[in-house]
């Protein structure tokens, strides 16, 4: 069945290429003699066999033209160039040349360009701008005598005859389209494949206990083998069958197609999804009533999933990290801030101003400030560092503080207009994320991501 499917695909591809490549088939496939075991045989041209399938037959006008040229050659060989019969034949060739230019017998075969090529070559040969005048000059006794009859006939055979031979007449059916009998060749293959598909569907239906529709869809791609149109799609089931028969490996092709598909669409799909998510977040922020949400959150309908006060636990972790890691690094800045605040406060005391103006006591401001800052910072950091472990009373006090803080924040949120400003800033932030990060992703970046993903996948397969 694989052999039959491949043969049918080859026939389909040949049929699709026949009209565009008919010139090649005409002069290069067949039409020669072979000798085998002492016997000689004439191999017919492929065009002689396949032309009837496509409704192609010789175009009578161009055939008559070439036959008249062959008649001229025979008459010149028998009677000479200046005989009366040769003169009449040359006159007929001049008339036929004018008719060929006027009627354009190449149009039906969509070969008008071939006629233009013939006219151009003849004008270049004679050296005049008129195609009709060039043909009339070429088919005249004075020109052929002066230029040499044999030499000009060689030019005609090489440059003019072959293009004329490519012309043909194609039959038109009752539907108004060209006659094409390929279906009568293809139907034999289609019948064979249809029988094979029907037997397989019956077998799958019985052996796997599937419905007829499920059994038919088991190898859905085989349907292309029995369609009388879009025959080029038969390459899909043929590739699958060749792969199943272990004649070719389509896994690499599948991977390349998969990677190409992802590289083409990943950027647009991902951008679309992320932009959609961010836009939905913006819409949610616009529609939500933060004040009402905060009020609802303070009620008794809150669901606790782990019997843990997450706020208190997070606060404890944050406090520990702040005391042990953050505050020591910020101590110089804190002391500088305390110094500035102390100096500002002392400047407001009237007595302190008077003492600072007494000679010899002007440096008291700096000394006093440094002492105050030193005492405050040492006390603060010592207390925080040596804070005892959290006991039950401390936990209760922290919870009371958290509850009171929550109530105050809710009350202020309901009464403060800054919530609307926060909403506006959040919406603008999301818009900036879309512009600066999502929409700037390029095709090259996605190809790099796919390459890295494939490398990770391969390494994972090797590890297993």
Protein backbone atom coordinates (compact mmCIF):
# COMPACT_ATOMS: atom_id res chain seq x y z
CA UNK A 1 0.00 0.00 0.00
CA UNK A 2 2.92 2.33 0.63
CA UNK A 3 4.21 1.61 -2.87
CA UNK A 4 0.79 2.31 -4.38
CA UNK A 5 0.43 5.55 -2.39
CA UNK A 6 3.90 6.75 -3.45
CA UNK A 7 3.20 5.86 -7.10
CA UNK A 8 -0.07 7.77 -6.97
CA UNK A 9 1.63 10.79 -5.40
CA UNK A 10 4.30 10.71 -8.11
CA UNK A 11 1.59 10.64 -10.78
CA UNK A 12 -0.19 13.55 -9.13
CA UNK A 13 2.98 15.64 -8.99
CA UNK A 14 3.76 14.80 -12.62
CA UNK A 15 0.25 15.84 -13.66
CA UNK A 16 0.54 19.12 -11.77
CA UNK A 17 3.87 19.86 -13.44
CA UNK A 18 2.91 18.74 -16.94
CA UNK A 19 1.50 21.99 -18.32
CA UNK A 20 4.18 24.31 -16.84
CA UNK A 21 7.00 21.92 -17.84
CA UNK A 22 5.61 20.58 -21.12
CA UNK A 23 8.44 22.19 -23.13
CA UNK A 24 10.97 20.21 -21.09
CA UNK A 25 9.05 16.96 -21.48
CA UNK A 26 8.64 17.61 -25.22
CA UNK A 27 12.35 17.80 -26.01
CA UNK A 28 13.96 15.73 -23.24
CA UNK A 29 11.74 12.77 -22.31
CA UNK A 30 11.40 10.06 -24.96
CA UNK A 31 11.60 10.37 -28.70
CA UNK A 32 14.76 8.30 -29.19
CA UNK A 33 15.67 4.79 -30.36
CA UNK A 34 17.12 2.08 -28.13
CA UNK A 35 18.72 -1.27 -28.98
CA UNK A 36 18.24 -4.23 -26.64
CA UNK A 37 19.28 -7.81 -27.34
CA UNK A 38 19.73 -7.00 -31.00
CA UNK A 39 16.31 -5.39 -31.36
CA UNK A 40 15.73 -1.72 -31.97
CA UNK A 41 12.73 0.12 -30.64
CA UNK A 42 11.50 3.67 -30.78
CA UNK A 43 10.76 5.18 -27.38
CA UNK A 44 7.80 7.52 -27.82
CA UNK A 45 7.83 11.01 -26.45
CA UNK A 46 6.08 11.37 -23.14
CA UNK A 47 4.06 14.18 -24.69
CA UNK A 48 2.67 11.80 -27.32
CA UNK A 49 1.32 9.65 -24.49
CA UNK A 50 0.14 12.27 -22.02
CA UNK A 51 -1.12 15.03 -24.32
CA UNK A 52 -4.47 13.25 -24.86
CA UNK A 53 -4.93 13.04 -21.06
CA UNK A 54 -4.77 16.84 -20.82
CA UNK A 55 -6.83 17.39 -23.98
CA UNK A 56 -3.81 18.66 -25.92
CA UNK A 57 -3.48 18.23 -29.66
CA UNK A 58 -1.27 19.85 -32.34
CA UNK A 59 -2.25 23.35 -33.41
CA UNK A 60 -3.07 23.08 -37.09
CA UNK A 61 -1.82 26.53 -38.13
CA UNK A 62 1.64 26.17 -36.58
CA UNK A 63 1.91 22.56 -37.79
CA UNK A 64 1.05 23.69 -41.33
CA UNK A 65 3.68 26.43 -41.05
CA UNK A 66 6.46 24.00 -40.13
CA UNK A 67 5.33 21.53 -42.80
CA UNK A 68 5.56 24.28 -45.41
CA UNK A 69 9.15 24.99 -44.30
CA UNK A 70 10.04 21.31 -44.72
CA UNK A 71 8.41 21.40 -48.18
CA UNK A 72 10.63 24.39 -49.08
CA UNK A 73 13.76 22.50 -48.04
CA UNK A 74 12.81 19.52 -50.22
CA UNK A 75 12.01 21.72 -53.24
CA UNK A 76 15.29 23.63 -52.95
CA UNK A 77 17.17 20.34 -52.72
CA UNK A 78 15.44 19.00 -55.86
CA UNK A 79 14.99 22.08 -58.06
CA UNK A 80 17.19 24.83 -56.70
CA UNK A 81 16.40 28.11 -54.97
CA UNK A 82 15.32 30.00 -58.13
CA UNK A 83 12.72 27.55 -59.40
CA UNK A 84 9.11 28.61 -59.96
CA UNK A 85 7.77 26.18 -57.37
CA UNK A 86 10.20 27.52 -54.68
CA UNK A 87 9.06 31.07 -55.48
CA UNK A 88 5.43 30.09 -54.86
CA UNK A 89 6.32 28.31 -51.60
CA UNK A 90 8.23 31.35 -50.33
CA UNK A 91 5.18 33.52 -51.08
CA UNK A 92 3.01 31.14 -49.05
CA UNK A 93 5.47 31.27 -46.13
CA UNK A 94 5.38 35.06 -46.16
CA UNK A 95 1.58 34.93 -46.02
CA UNK A 96 1.58 32.32 -43.25
CA UNK A 97 4.05 34.41 -41.25
CA UNK A 98 1.78 37.45 -41.45
CA UNK A 99 -1.21 35.33 -40.37
CA UNK A 100 0.75 33.91 -37.41
CA UNK A 101 1.60 37.44 -36.22
CA UNK A 102 -1.96 38.73 -36.70
CA UNK A 103 -3.95 35.79 -35.24
CA UNK A 104 -1.48 34.79 -32.51
CA UNK A 105 -2.14 31.02 -32.38
CA UNK A 106 -0.05 30.86 -29.17
CA UNK A 107 -2.65 32.71 -27.08
CA UNK A 108 -4.84 29.68 -26.30
CA UNK A 109 -1.88 27.81 -24.79
CA UNK A 110 -0.93 30.95 -22.84
CA UNK A 111 2.29 31.19 -24.86
CA UNK A 112 2.05 34.73 -26.21
CA UNK A 113 5.51 35.30 -24.81
CA UNK A 114 6.79 32.56 -27.11
CA UNK A 115 5.47 34.43 -30.16
CA UNK A 116 7.13 37.61 -28.94
CA UNK A 117 10.41 35.72 -28.56
CA UNK A 118 10.11 34.43 -32.15
CA UNK A 119 9.43 37.91 -33.50
CA UNK A 120 12.35 39.38 -31.54
CA UNK A 121 14.79 36.78 -32.85
CA UNK A 122 13.67 37.31 -36.44
CA UNK A 123 13.97 41.11 -36.16
CA UNK A 124 17.48 40.74 -34.74
CA UNK A 125 18.45 38.35 -37.53
CA UNK A 126 17.28 40.63 -40.34
CA UNK A 127 18.11 43.92 -38.64
CA UNK A 128 14.80 45.76 -39.01
CA UNK A 129 12.17 46.82 -36.43
CA UNK A 130 9.07 45.34 -38.09
CA UNK A 131 8.34 41.66 -37.37
CA UNK A 132 6.24 41.26 -40.52
CA UNK A 133 8.90 42.99 -42.60
CA UNK A 134 11.58 40.76 -41.08
CA UNK A 135 9.69 37.56 -41.97
CA UNK A 136 8.95 38.87 -45.48
CA UNK A 137 12.65 39.63 -45.99
CA UNK A 138 13.70 36.27 -44.57
CA UNK A 139 11.39 34.28 -46.88
CA UNK A 140 12.65 35.91 -50.09
CA UNK A 141 14.93 34.52 -52.81
CA UNK A 142 17.38 37.48 -52.79
CA UNK A 143 18.00 37.26 -49.04
CA UNK A 144 18.34 33.45 -48.94
CA UNK A 145 20.70 33.55 -51.95
CA UNK A 146 22.89 36.25 -50.44
CA UNK A 147 22.92 34.96 -46.81
CA UNK A 148 23.13 31.28 -47.73
CA UNK A 149 20.12 28.98 -47.73
CA UNK A 150 21.62 26.21 -45.54
CA UNK A 151 22.93 28.66 -42.96
CA UNK A 152 19.56 30.43 -42.69
CA UNK A 153 17.70 27.11 -42.41
CA UNK A 154 20.01 26.11 -39.57
CA UNK A 155 19.15 29.39 -37.84
CA UNK A 156 15.43 28.72 -38.37
CA UNK A 157 15.64 25.16 -36.97
CA UNK A 158 17.56 26.22 -33.86
CA UNK A 159 15.94 29.56 -33.03
CA UNK A 160 12.46 29.58 -34.61
CA UNK A 161 11.31 25.99 -35.18
CA UNK A 162 11.65 24.76 -31.58
CA UNK A 163 9.55 27.58 -30.06
CA UNK A 164 6.89 27.02 -32.74
CA UNK A 165 6.86 23.30 -31.91
CA UNK A 166 5.96 24.05 -28.30
CA UNK A 167 2.61 25.52 -29.34
CA UNK A 168 -0.51 23.38 -29.02
CA UNK A 169 -4.27 23.47 -29.06
CA UNK A 170 -6.13 22.48 -25.90
CA UNK A 171 -9.71 21.30 -26.01
CA UNK A 172 -12.38 23.13 -24.02
CA UNK A 173 -15.19 21.12 -22.44
CA UNK A 174 -18.87 21.90 -22.04
CA UNK A 175 -18.21 23.54 -18.67
CA UNK A 176 -15.99 26.14 -20.32
CA UNK A 177 -12.78 24.83 -18.75
CA UNK A 178 -9.96 22.89 -20.39
CA UNK A 179 -10.46 19.16 -20.88
CA UNK A 180 -8.58 17.15 -18.25
CA UNK A 181 -8.90 13.37 -18.16
CA UNK A 182 -6.53 12.82 -15.24
CA UNK A 183 -9.46 11.70 -13.10
CA UNK A 184 -9.80 8.53 -15.20
CA UNK A 185 -6.21 7.60 -14.27
CA UNK A 186 -6.52 8.68 -10.67
CA UNK A 187 -9.78 6.84 -10.03
CA UNK A 188 -8.00 3.48 -10.07
CA UNK A 189 -5.69 4.52 -7.25
CA UNK A 190 -8.55 6.18 -5.39
CA UNK A 191 -10.61 2.97 -5.54
CA UNK A 192 -7.75 0.87 -4.21
CA UNK A 193 -7.10 3.29 -1.36
CA UNK A 194 -10.81 3.59 -0.59
CA UNK A 195 -11.10 -0.20 -0.23
CA UNK A 196 -8.02 -0.30 2.01
CA UNK A 197 -9.34 2.54 4.19
CA UNK A 198 -12.77 0.90 4.48
CA UNK A 199 -11.21 -2.41 5.57
CA UNK A 200 -9.04 -0.65 8.14
CA UNK A 201 -12.00 1.29 9.57
CA UNK A 202 -13.96 -1.97 9.86
CA UNK A 203 -11.03 -3.66 11.60
CA UNK A 204 -10.51 -0.79 14.05
CA UNK A 205 -14.25 -0.64 14.73
CA UNK A 206 -14.35 -4.33 15.64
CA UNK A 207 -10.98 -4.76 17.38
CA UNK A 208 -10.94 -1.57 19.48
CA UNK A 209 -14.70 -1.39 20.14
CA UNK A 210 -14.96 2.13 18.75
CA UNK A 211 -17.82 3.81 16.95
CA UNK A 212 -17.67 4.12 13.18
CA UNK A 213 -16.86 7.83 13.42
CA UNK A 214 -14.08 7.22 15.95
CA UNK A 215 -12.67 4.39 13.86
CA UNK A 216 -12.72 6.56 10.74
CA UNK A 217 -10.94 9.40 12.55
CA UNK A 218 -8.24 7.03 13.84
CA UNK A 219 -6.18 7.84 10.73
CA UNK A 220 -7.98 10.92 9.52
CA UNK A 221 -5.20 11.97 7.17
CA UNK A 222 -5.91 9.05 4.81
CA UNK A 223 -8.98 10.92 3.60
CA UNK A 224 -6.71 12.99 1.33
CA UNK A 225 -5.94 9.83 -0.67
CA UNK A 226 -9.53 9.59 -1.93
CA UNK A 227 -10.32 13.25 -2.55
CA UNK A 228 -10.62 14.06 -6.28
CA UNK A 229 -9.45 17.64 -5.67
CA UNK A 230 -6.45 19.22 -3.94
CA UNK A 231 -4.50 16.09 -4.80
CA UNK A 232 -1.22 17.68 -3.67
CA UNK A 233 -2.41 17.17 -0.07
CA UNK A 234 -1.80 13.45 -0.53
CA UNK A 235 1.80 14.11 0.43
CA UNK A 236 0.59 14.18 4.07
CA UNK A 237 -0.69 10.58 4.30
CA UNK A 238 2.17 9.36 2.11
CA UNK A 239 4.74 10.80 4.53
CA UNK A 240 2.94 9.20 7.47
CA UNK A 241 2.83 5.84 5.71
CA UNK A 242 6.51 6.02 4.77
CA UNK A 243 7.32 6.85 8.38
CA UNK A 244 5.20 3.99 9.68
CA UNK A 245 6.93 1.63 7.23
CA UNK A 246 10.28 2.90 8.61
CA UNK A 247 11.37 4.04 5.17
CA UNK A 248 11.84 7.66 6.25
CA UNK A 249 11.94 9.49 9.58
CA UNK A 250 9.63 12.48 9.76
CA UNK A 251 10.41 13.19 13.40
CA UNK A 252 13.07 15.76 12.50
CA UNK A 253 10.72 17.45 10.03
CA UNK A 254 8.01 17.49 12.68
CA UNK A 255 10.36 19.08 15.21
CA UNK A 256 11.48 21.74 12.74
CA UNK A 257 7.91 22.58 11.78
CA UNK A 258 6.94 22.68 15.45
CA UNK A 259 9.83 24.99 16.31
CA UNK A 260 9.12 27.25 13.33
CA UNK A 261 5.46 27.46 14.27
CA UNK A 262 6.30 28.40 17.84
CA UNK A 263 8.90 30.93 16.74
CA UNK A 264 6.36 32.61 14.48
CA UNK A 265 3.41 32.72 16.86
CA UNK A 266 4.91 32.68 20.37
CA UNK A 267 5.60 36.40 20.39
CA UNK A 268 2.10 37.41 19.34
CA UNK A 269 0.33 34.80 21.49
CA UNK A 270 2.31 35.57 24.63
CA UNK A 271 2.03 39.32 24.18
CA UNK A 272 -1.70 38.96 23.63
CA UNK A 273 -2.14 36.85 26.76
CA UNK A 274 -0.01 39.07 29.00
CA UNK A 275 -1.52 42.29 27.67
CA UNK A 276 -4.96 40.79 28.22
CA UNK A 277 -4.11 39.85 31.81
CA UNK A 278 -2.65 43.27 32.59
CA UNK A 279 -5.64 44.99 30.95
CA UNK A 280 -7.99 42.83 33.04
CA UNK A 281 -6.07 43.83 36.17
CA UNK A 282 -6.44 47.48 35.18
CA UNK A 283 -10.16 47.02 34.65
CA UNK A 284 -10.48 45.30 38.03
CA UNK A 285 -8.63 48.13 39.75
CA UNK A 286 -10.93 50.66 38.08
CA UNK A 287 -14.12 48.85 39.07
CA UNK A 288 -13.27 47.78 42.63
CA UNK A 289 -14.33 49.97 45.56
CA UNK A 290 -11.27 49.83 47.78
CA UNK A 291 -13.01 51.44 50.71
CA UNK A 292 -15.87 48.95 50.58
CA UNK A 293 -13.39 46.10 50.11
CA UNK A 294 -11.43 47.16 53.17
CA UNK A 295 -14.63 47.47 55.19
CA UNK A 296 -15.82 44.02 54.11
CA UNK A 297 -12.45 42.56 54.95
CA UNK A 298 -12.82 43.69 58.55
CA UNK A 299 -15.98 41.68 59.14
CA UNK A 300 -16.52 38.21 60.51
CA UNK A 301 -16.81 36.48 57.13
CA UNK A 302 -13.07 36.18 56.65
CA UNK A 303 -11.98 32.58 55.93
CA UNK A 304 -8.86 31.32 57.71
CA UNK A 305 -7.33 28.27 56.01
CA UNK A 306 -4.49 27.43 58.46
CA UNK A 307 -5.47 28.84 61.88
CA UNK A 308 -2.55 31.25 61.70
CA UNK A 309 -2.44 35.00 61.98
CA UNK A 310 -0.43 35.62 58.87
CA UNK A 311 -0.14 39.35 59.55
CA UNK A 312 1.42 38.77 62.97
CA UNK A 313 3.71 36.03 61.63
CA UNK A 314 4.89 38.19 58.76
CA UNK A 315 5.40 41.12 61.13
CA UNK A 316 7.56 38.96 63.40
CA UNK A 317 9.72 37.82 60.47
CA UNK A 318 10.05 41.36 59.17
CA UNK A 319 10.97 42.64 62.62
CA UNK A 320 13.65 39.99 63.09
CA UNK A 321 15.17 40.65 59.67
CA UNK A 322 15.07 44.39 60.25
CA UNK A 323 16.83 44.23 63.61
CA UNK A 324 19.50 41.71 62.65
CA UNK A 325 20.31 42.64 59.06
CA UNK A 326 18.87 45.97 58.01
CA UNK A 327 19.24 48.36 60.95
CA UNK A 328 23.00 47.79 61.43
CA UNK A 329 23.56 48.90 57.86
CA UNK A 330 21.28 51.91 58.30
CA UNK A 331 22.74 53.01 61.68
CA UNK A 332 24.96 55.83 60.24
CA UNK A 333 22.01 57.27 58.34
CA UNK A 334 19.74 56.98 61.39
CA UNK A 335 22.28 58.75 63.60
CA UNK A 336 22.68 61.53 61.02
CA UNK A 337 18.90 61.97 60.96
CA UNK A 338 18.67 62.03 64.77
CA UNK A 339 21.49 64.58 64.92
CA UNK A 340 19.69 66.87 62.52
CA UNK A 341 16.41 66.55 64.43
CA UNK A 342 18.15 67.20 67.79
CA UNK A 343 19.92 70.27 66.46
CA UNK A 344 16.69 71.63 65.09
CA UNK A 345 14.90 71.02 68.40
CA UNK A 346 17.65 72.70 70.46
CA UNK A 347 17.56 75.74 68.23
CA UNK A 348 13.98 76.34 69.40
CA UNK A 349 14.96 76.50 73.12
CA UNK A 350 15.52 80.12 74.27
CA UNK A 351 17.90 79.23 77.11
CA UNK A 352 20.01 77.07 74.83
CA UNK A 353 20.37 79.94 72.38
CA UNK A 354 21.62 82.23 75.17
CA UNK A 355 24.16 79.72 76.47
CA UNK A 356 25.49 79.09 72.98
CA UNK A 357 26.33 82.81 72.64
CA UNK A 358 28.51 82.89 75.81
CA UNK A 359 32.23 82.93 74.90
CA UNK A 360 33.84 79.54 75.45
CA UNK A 361 30.52 77.72 75.51
CA UNK A 362 29.78 77.85 71.76
CA UNK A 363 30.80 74.23 71.25
CA UNK A 364 28.17 73.04 73.72
CA UNK A 365 25.65 72.69 70.87
CA UNK A 366 27.72 70.13 69.05
CA UNK A 367 28.70 68.24 72.19
CA UNK A 368 25.16 68.12 73.50
CA UNK A 369 23.82 67.00 70.17
CA UNK A 370 26.33 64.19 69.87
CA UNK A 371 25.60 62.99 73.40
CA UNK A 372 21.84 62.94 72.79
CA UNK A 373 22.19 61.09 69.50
CA UNK A 374 24.63 58.59 70.98
CA UNK A 375 22.40 57.84 73.94
CA UNK A 376 19.29 57.43 71.79
CA UNK A 377 20.92 55.19 69.16
CA UNK A 378 22.70 53.01 71.72
CA UNK A 379 19.56 52.57 73.75
CA UNK A 380 17.45 51.81 70.67
CA UNK A 381 19.80 49.26 69.12
CA UNK A 382 20.62 47.66 72.50
CA UNK A 383 16.95 47.26 73.29
CA UNK A 384 16.10 45.81 69.89
CA UNK A 385 19.07 43.46 69.87
CA UNK A 386 18.41 42.14 73.36
CA UNK A 387 14.69 41.90 72.99
CA UNK A 388 13.48 38.73 74.76
CA UNK A 389 11.73 35.93 72.93
CA UNK A 390 8.10 36.61 72.20
CA UNK A 391 5.97 35.30 75.09
CA UNK A 392 2.20 34.95 75.35
CA UNK A 393 1.73 38.47 76.73
CA UNK A 394 3.88 39.97 73.98
CA UNK A 395 1.89 38.06 71.39
CA UNK A 396 -1.39 39.32 72.86
CA UNK A 397 -0.13 42.86 72.91
CA UNK A 398 1.06 42.53 69.27
CA UNK A 399 -2.35 41.20 68.25
CA UNK A 400 -4.10 44.05 70.05
CA UNK A 401 -1.74 46.49 68.35
CA UNK A 402 -2.38 44.90 64.95
CA UNK A 403 -6.15 44.97 65.46
CA UNK A 404 -6.05 48.61 66.56
CA UNK A 405 -3.78 49.50 63.65
CA UNK A 406 -6.14 47.72 61.23
CA UNK A 407 -9.13 49.63 62.57
CA UNK A 408 -7.29 52.94 62.29
CA UNK A 409 -6.15 52.17 58.73
CA UNK A 410 -9.69 51.21 57.68
CA UNK A 411 -11.11 54.37 59.21
CA UNK A 412 -8.50 56.52 57.51
CA UNK A 413 -8.98 54.69 54.19
CA UNK A 414 -12.69 55.48 54.29
CA UNK A 415 -12.08 59.10 55.07
CA UNK A 416 -8.94 59.73 53.02
CA UNK A 417 -8.93 60.65 49.33
CA UNK A 418 -5.48 59.15 48.77
CA UNK A 419 -7.04 55.76 47.91
CA UNK A 420 -8.27 57.09 44.57
CA UNK A 421 -4.82 58.45 43.85
CA UNK A 422 -3.29 55.04 44.61
CA UNK A 423 -5.76 53.42 42.21
CA UNK A 424 -4.81 55.88 39.48
CA UNK A 425 -1.09 55.29 40.06
CA UNK A 426 -1.58 51.52 40.00
CA UNK A 427 -3.41 51.70 36.67
CA UNK A 428 -0.63 53.85 35.19
CA UNK A 429 1.97 51.39 36.52
CA UNK A 430 0.27 48.47 34.78
CA UNK A 431 0.13 50.44 31.53
CA UNK A 432 3.86 51.14 31.79
CA UNK A 433 4.52 47.43 32.34
CA UNK A 434 2.67 46.64 29.10
CA UNK A 435 4.60 49.25 27.13
CA UNK A 436 8.08 48.77 28.57
CA UNK A 437 8.26 45.01 29.10
CA UNK A 438 5.53 43.14 27.22
CA UNK A 439 5.38 44.92 23.86
CA UNK A 440 9.17 45.17 23.50
CA UNK A 441 9.66 41.42 23.16
CA UNK A 442 11.16 40.69 19.74
CA UNK A 443 11.14 37.68 17.45
CA UNK A 444 14.83 37.07 18.12
CA UNK A 445 14.22 36.95 21.88
CA UNK A 446 11.50 34.35 21.43
CA UNK A 447 13.73 32.24 19.20
CA UNK A 448 16.39 32.33 21.94
CA UNK A 449 13.78 31.29 24.50
CA UNK A 450 12.68 28.37 22.30
CA UNK A 451 16.29 27.29 21.82
CA UNK A 452 16.88 27.31 25.56
CA UNK A 453 13.64 25.42 26.14
CA UNK A 454 14.61 22.72 23.64
CA UNK A 455 18.04 22.40 25.26
CA UNK A 456 16.43 21.95 28.69
CA UNK A 457 14.03 19.36 27.28
CA UNK A 458 16.86 17.37 25.71
CA UNK A 459 18.90 17.45 28.92
CA UNK A 460 15.90 16.23 30.89
CA UNK A 461 15.38 13.34 28.48
CA UNK A 462 19.03 12.35 28.77
CA UNK A 463 18.85 12.41 32.57
CA UNK A 464 15.96 9.96 32.50
